[in-house]
C-alpha atoms as a PDB file:
ATOM      1  CA  UNK A   1      68.073-142.162-138.685  1.00  0.00           C
ATOM      2  CA  UNK A   2      68.988-143.731-141.984  1.00  0.00           C
ATOM      3  CA  UNK A   3      67.189-143.056-145.238  1.00  0.00           C
ATOM      4  CA  UNK A   4      64.758-145.608-146.601  1.00  0.00           C
ATOM      5  CA  UNK A   5      66.032-145.918-150.182  1.00  0.00           C
ATOM      6  CA  UNK A   6      69.426-144.214-150.011  1.00  0.00           C
ATOM      7  CA  UNK A   7      72.740-144.991-148.322  1.00  0.00           C
ATOM      8  CA  UNK A   8      73.082-141.616-146.545  1.00  0.00           C
ATOM      9  CA  UNK A   9      72.525-141.127-142.829  1.00  0.00           C
ATOM     10  CA  UNK A  10      71.603-137.435-143.018  1.00  0.00           C
ATOM     11  CA  UNK A  11      71.798-134.846-140.251  1.00  0.00           C
ATOM     12  CA  UNK A  12      69.065-132.485-141.424  1.00  0.00           C
ATOM     13  CA  UNK A  13      66.564-131.747-138.689  1.00  0.00           C
ATOM     14  CA  UNK A  14      64.387-128.904-137.594  1.00  0.00           C
ATOM     15  CA  UNK A  15      65.708-126.316-135.172  1.00  0.00           C
ATOM     16  CA  UNK A  16      62.882-125.290-132.871  1.00  0.00           C
ATOM     17  CA  UNK A  17      63.521-122.532-130.353  1.00  0.00           C
ATOM     18  CA  UNK A  18      63.901-123.651-126.741  1.00  0.00           C
ATOM     19  CA  UNK A  19      61.230-121.280-125.454  1.00  0.00           C
ATOM     20  CA  UNK A  20      57.708-122.452-126.168  1.00  0.00           C
ATOM     21  CA  UNK A  21      56.173-119.024-125.596  1.00  0.00           C
ATOM     22  CA  UNK A  22      55.646-116.588-128.462  1.00  0.00           C
ATOM     23  CA  UNK A  23      58.200-113.775-128.781  1.00  0.00           C
ATOM     24  CA  UNK A  24      57.467-110.624-126.791  1.00  0.00           C
ATOM     25  CA  UNK A  25      57.513-108.435-129.928  1.00  0.00           C
ATOM     26  CA  UNK A  26      54.752-110.470-131.605  1.00  0.00           C
ATOM     27  CA  UNK A  27      51.522-108.519-131.089  1.00  0.00           C
ATOM     28  CA  UNK A  28      48.947-110.826-132.666  1.00  0.00           C
ATOM     29  CA  UNK A  29      46.140-112.639-130.910  1.00  0.00           C
ATOM     30  CA  UNK A  30      45.542-116.393-131.219  1.00  0.00           C
ATOM     31  CA  UNK A  31      42.113-115.724-132.739  1.00  0.00           C
ATOM     32  CA  UNK A  32      43.669-113.612-135.510  1.00  0.00           C
ATOM     33  CA  UNK A  33      46.162-116.381-136.297  1.00  0.00           C
ATOM     34  CA  UNK A  34      43.389-119.004-136.420  1.00  0.00           C
ATOM     35  CA  UNK A  35      41.373-116.767-138.722  1.00  0.00           C
ATOM     36  CA  UNK A  36      44.368-116.254-141.004  1.00  0.00           C
ATOM     37  CA  UNK A  37      45.128-120.007-141.083  1.00  0.00           C
ATOM     38  CA  UNK A  38      41.526-120.807-142.037  1.00  0.00           C
ATOM     39  CA  UNK A  39      41.506-118.094-144.696  1.00  0.00           C
ATOM     40  CA  UNK A  40      44.681-119.432-146.289  1.00  0.00           C
ATOM     41  CA  UNK A  41      43.319-122.985-146.195  1.00  0.00           C
ATOM     42  CA  UNK A  42      40.165-121.841-147.997  1.00  0.00           C
ATOM     43  CA  UNK A  43      42.406-120.424-150.738  1.00  0.00           C
ATOM     44  CA  UNK A  44      43.770-123.948-151.262  1.00  0.00           C
ATOM     45  CA  UNK A  45      47.123-123.828-149.468  1.00  0.00           C
ATOM     46  CA  UNK A  46      48.531-126.913-147.756  1.00  0.00           C
ATOM     47  CA  UNK A  47      49.391-126.808-144.017  1.00  0.00           C
ATOM     48  CA  UNK A  48      53.130-126.527-144.693  1.00  0.00           C
ATOM     49  CA  UNK A  49      52.572-123.712-147.196  1.00  0.00           C
ATOM     50  CA  UNK A  50      50.442-121.925-144.591  1.00  0.00           C
ATOM     51  CA  UNK A  51      53.244-122.243-142.021  1.00  0.00           C
ATOM     52  CA  UNK A  52      55.868-120.901-144.439  1.00  0.00           C
ATOM     53  CA  UNK A  53      53.629-117.986-145.443  1.00  0.00           C
ATOM     54  CA  UNK A  54      52.906-117.036-141.819  1.00  0.00           C
ATOM     55  CA  UNK A  55      56.600-117.291-140.958  1.00  0.00           C
ATOM     56  CA  UNK A  56      57.790-115.178-143.881  1.00  0.00           C
ATOM     57  CA  UNK A  57      55.070-112.523-144.123  1.00  0.00           C
ATOM     58  CA  UNK A  58      53.613-112.261-140.608  1.00  0.00           C
ATOM     59  CA  UNK A  59      56.669-113.103-138.501  1.00  0.00           C
ATOM     60  CA  UNK A  60      54.889-115.993-136.740  1.00  0.00           C
ATOM     61  CA  UNK A  61      57.662-118.554-136.337  1.00  0.00           C
ATOM     62  CA  UNK A  62      55.563-121.261-134.695  1.00  0.00           C
ATOM     63  CA  UNK A  63      51.771-121.243-134.873  1.00  0.00           C
ATOM     64  CA  UNK A  64      51.652-123.655-131.932  1.00  0.00           C
ATOM     65  CA  UNK A  65      53.450-121.214-129.628  1.00  0.00           C
ATOM     66  CA  UNK A  66      50.847-118.516-130.376  1.00  0.00           C
ATOM     67  CA  UNK A  67      47.614-120.532-130.526  1.00  0.00           C
ATOM     68  CA  UNK A  68      48.472-123.653-128.543  1.00  0.00           C
ATOM     69  CA  UNK A  69      47.460-125.846-131.508  1.00  0.00           C
ATOM     70  CA  UNK A  70      49.255-126.982-134.619  1.00  0.00           C
ATOM     71  CA  UNK A  71      48.017-125.898-138.045  1.00  0.00           C
ATOM     72  CA  UNK A  72      46.416-129.250-138.934  1.00  0.00           C
ATOM     73  CA  UNK A  73      44.537-129.329-135.609  1.00  0.00           C
ATOM     74  CA  UNK A  74      43.201-125.819-136.259  1.00  0.00           C
ATOM     75  CA  UNK A  75      42.084-126.887-139.729  1.00  0.00           C
ATOM     76  CA  UNK A  76      40.505-130.065-138.375  1.00  0.00           C
ATOM     77  CA  UNK A  77      38.520-128.180-135.735  1.00  0.00           C
ATOM     78  CA  UNK A  78      37.175-125.865-138.455  1.00  0.00           C
ATOM     79  CA  UNK A  79      36.446-128.704-140.900  1.00  0.00           C
ATOM     80  CA  UNK A  80      39.119-127.639-143.397  1.00  0.00           C
ATOM     81  CA  UNK A  81      41.674-130.426-142.930  1.00  0.00           C
ATOM     82  CA  UNK A  82      42.732-132.349-146.058  1.00  0.00           C
ATOM     83  CA  UNK A  83      41.161-135.802-146.404  1.00  0.00           C
ATOM     84  CA  UNK A  84      44.551-137.495-146.799  1.00  0.00           C
ATOM     85  CA  UNK A  85      47.703-136.369-144.939  1.00  0.00           C
ATOM     86  CA  UNK A  86      49.991-133.983-146.784  1.00  0.00           C
ATOM     87  CA  UNK A  87      53.093-136.180-146.937  1.00  0.00           C
ATOM     88  CA  UNK A  88      51.103-139.059-148.447  1.00  0.00           C
ATOM     89  CA  UNK A  89      49.481-136.652-150.907  1.00  0.00           C
ATOM     90  CA  UNK A  90      52.884-135.384-152.071  1.00  0.00           C
ATOM     91  CA  UNK A  91      54.185-138.925-152.571  1.00  0.00           C
ATOM     92  CA  UNK A  92      51.101-139.822-154.627  1.00  0.00           C
ATOM     93  CA  UNK A  93      51.593-136.648-156.667  1.00  0.00           C
ATOM     94  CA  UNK A  94      55.211-137.593-157.332  1.00  0.00           C
ATOM     95  CA  UNK A  95      54.208-141.128-158.382  1.00  0.00           C
ATOM     96  CA  UNK A  96      51.635-139.725-160.822  1.00  0.00           C
ATOM     97  CA  UNK A  97      54.282-137.437-162.362  1.00  0.00           C
ATOM     98  CA  UNK A  98      56.774-140.293-162.745  1.00  0.00           C
ATOM     99  CA  UNK A  99      54.084-142.525-164.274  1.00  0.00           C
ATOM    100  CA  UNK A 100      53.215-139.781-166.765  1.00  0.00           C
ATOM    101  CA  UNK A 101      56.921-139.474-167.614  1.00  0.00           C
ATOM    102  CA  UNK A 102      57.112-143.236-168.153  1.00  0.00           C
ATOM    103  CA  UNK A 103      54.188-143.108-170.574  1.00  0.00           C
ATOM    104  CA  UNK A 104      56.226-140.764-172.764  1.00  0.00           C
ATOM    105  CA  UNK A 105      59.641-142.413-172.168  1.00  0.00           C
ATOM    106  CA  UNK A 106      59.133-146.147-172.077  1.00  0.00           C
ATOM    107  CA  UNK A 107      62.830-147.047-172.071  1.00  0.00           C
ATOM    108  CA  UNK A 108      63.669-145.053-168.957  1.00  0.00           C
ATOM    109  CA  UNK A 109      64.574-147.953-166.676  1.00  0.00           C
ATOM    110  CA  UNK A 110      65.836-145.738-163.836  1.00  0.00           C
ATOM    111  CA  UNK A 111      62.496-143.938-163.576  1.00  0.00           C
ATOM    112  CA  UNK A 112      60.733-147.283-163.538  1.00  0.00           C
ATOM    113  CA  UNK A 113      62.892-148.351-160.603  1.00  0.00           C
ATOM    114  CA  UNK A 114      62.334-145.029-158.801  1.00  0.00           C
ATOM    115  CA  UNK A 115      58.581-145.408-159.285  1.00  0.00           C
ATOM    116  CA  UNK A 116      58.746-148.766-157.510  1.00  0.00           C
ATOM    117  CA  UNK A 117      60.583-147.102-154.592  1.00  0.00           C
ATOM    118  CA  UNK A 118      58.074-144.223-154.431  1.00  0.00           C
ATOM    119  CA  UNK A 119      55.121-146.601-154.461  1.00  0.00           C
ATOM    120  CA  UNK A 120      56.667-148.740-151.731  1.00  0.00           C
ATOM    121  CA  UNK A 121      56.963-145.594-149.597  1.00  0.00           C
ATOM    122  CA  UNK A 122      53.304-144.818-150.350  1.00  0.00           C
ATOM    123  CA  UNK A 123      52.233-148.299-149.233  1.00  0.00           C
ATOM    124  CA  UNK A 124      54.302-148.092-146.038  1.00  0.00           C
ATOM    125  CA  UNK A 125      52.969-144.636-145.144  1.00  0.00           C
ATOM    126  CA  UNK A 126      49.393-145.658-145.934  1.00  0.00           C
ATOM    127  CA  UNK A 127      49.749-148.667-143.631  1.00  0.00           C
ATOM    128  CA  UNK A 128      50.913-146.355-140.836  1.00  0.00           C
ATOM    129  CA  UNK A 129      48.017-143.939-141.388  1.00  0.00           C
ATOM    130  CA  UNK A 130      45.506-146.800-141.424  1.00  0.00           C
ATOM    131  CA  UNK A 131      46.788-148.106-138.083  1.00  0.00           C
ATOM    132  CA  UNK A 132      46.694-144.618-136.531  1.00  0.00           C
ATOM    133  CA  UNK A 133      43.188-144.129-138.015  1.00  0.00           C
ATOM    134  CA  UNK A 134      44.036-141.038-140.022  1.00  0.00           C
ATOM    135  CA  UNK A 135      42.874-142.980-143.092  1.00  0.00           C
ATOM    136  CA  UNK A 136      39.891-145.338-143.330  1.00  0.00           C
ATOM    137  CA  UNK A 137      40.675-149.017-142.756  1.00  0.00           C
ATOM    138  CA  UNK A 138      39.703-149.926-146.315  1.00  0.00           C
ATOM    139  CA  UNK A 139      41.766-147.150-148.003  1.00  0.00           C
ATOM    140  CA  UNK A 140      44.172-148.544-150.566  1.00  0.00           C
ATOM    141  CA  UNK A 141      46.545-146.889-153.034  1.00  0.00           C
ATOM    142  CA  UNK A 142      45.891-147.830-156.640  1.00  0.00           C
ATOM    143  CA  UNK A 143      47.980-146.366-159.418  1.00  0.00           C
ATOM    144  CA  UNK A 144      44.990-146.323-161.767  1.00  0.00           C
ATOM    145  CA  UNK A 145      42.944-144.043-159.494  1.00  0.00           C
ATOM    146  CA  UNK A 146      45.873-141.990-158.137  1.00  0.00           C
ATOM    147  CA  UNK A 147      45.416-139.345-160.824  1.00  0.00           C
ATOM    148  CA  UNK A 148      41.935-138.490-159.483  1.00  0.00           C
ATOM    149  CA  UNK A 149      43.302-138.102-155.925  1.00  0.00           C
ATOM    150  CA  UNK A 150      45.900-135.559-157.040  1.00  0.00           C
ATOM    151  CA  UNK A 151      43.751-133.499-159.410  1.00  0.00           C
END
């Protein structure tokens, strides 16, 4: 799969284990994992940060293999899911940072160009999330209100 705004093809991909069952040495119940996921979400961690923390500190490589549900589904069932998807949120955050940089450095033409590329990715991703109904049909990205979304 080629990159959207770069010439590289890229070979980076995730390496999931073949077995979908949790490892035999992992002695944690699905209820404990769900409780821990919800507790970390209440502290303000994103789903990917929760997964990294569980992998590194608890030894839970895949939450789905233990609980049968992905992290976002667990959060959604407990009413803790973020209102906009995490990848879209991170792109909006990046656009806000670049816009703030451009306010201080008006002559930075490369950053201006990169901001256009970032915002085009935001629009494309938002269109996808509107069609899959993860965002409301009338949701629209506006650079003037993006700062309130991120903060």
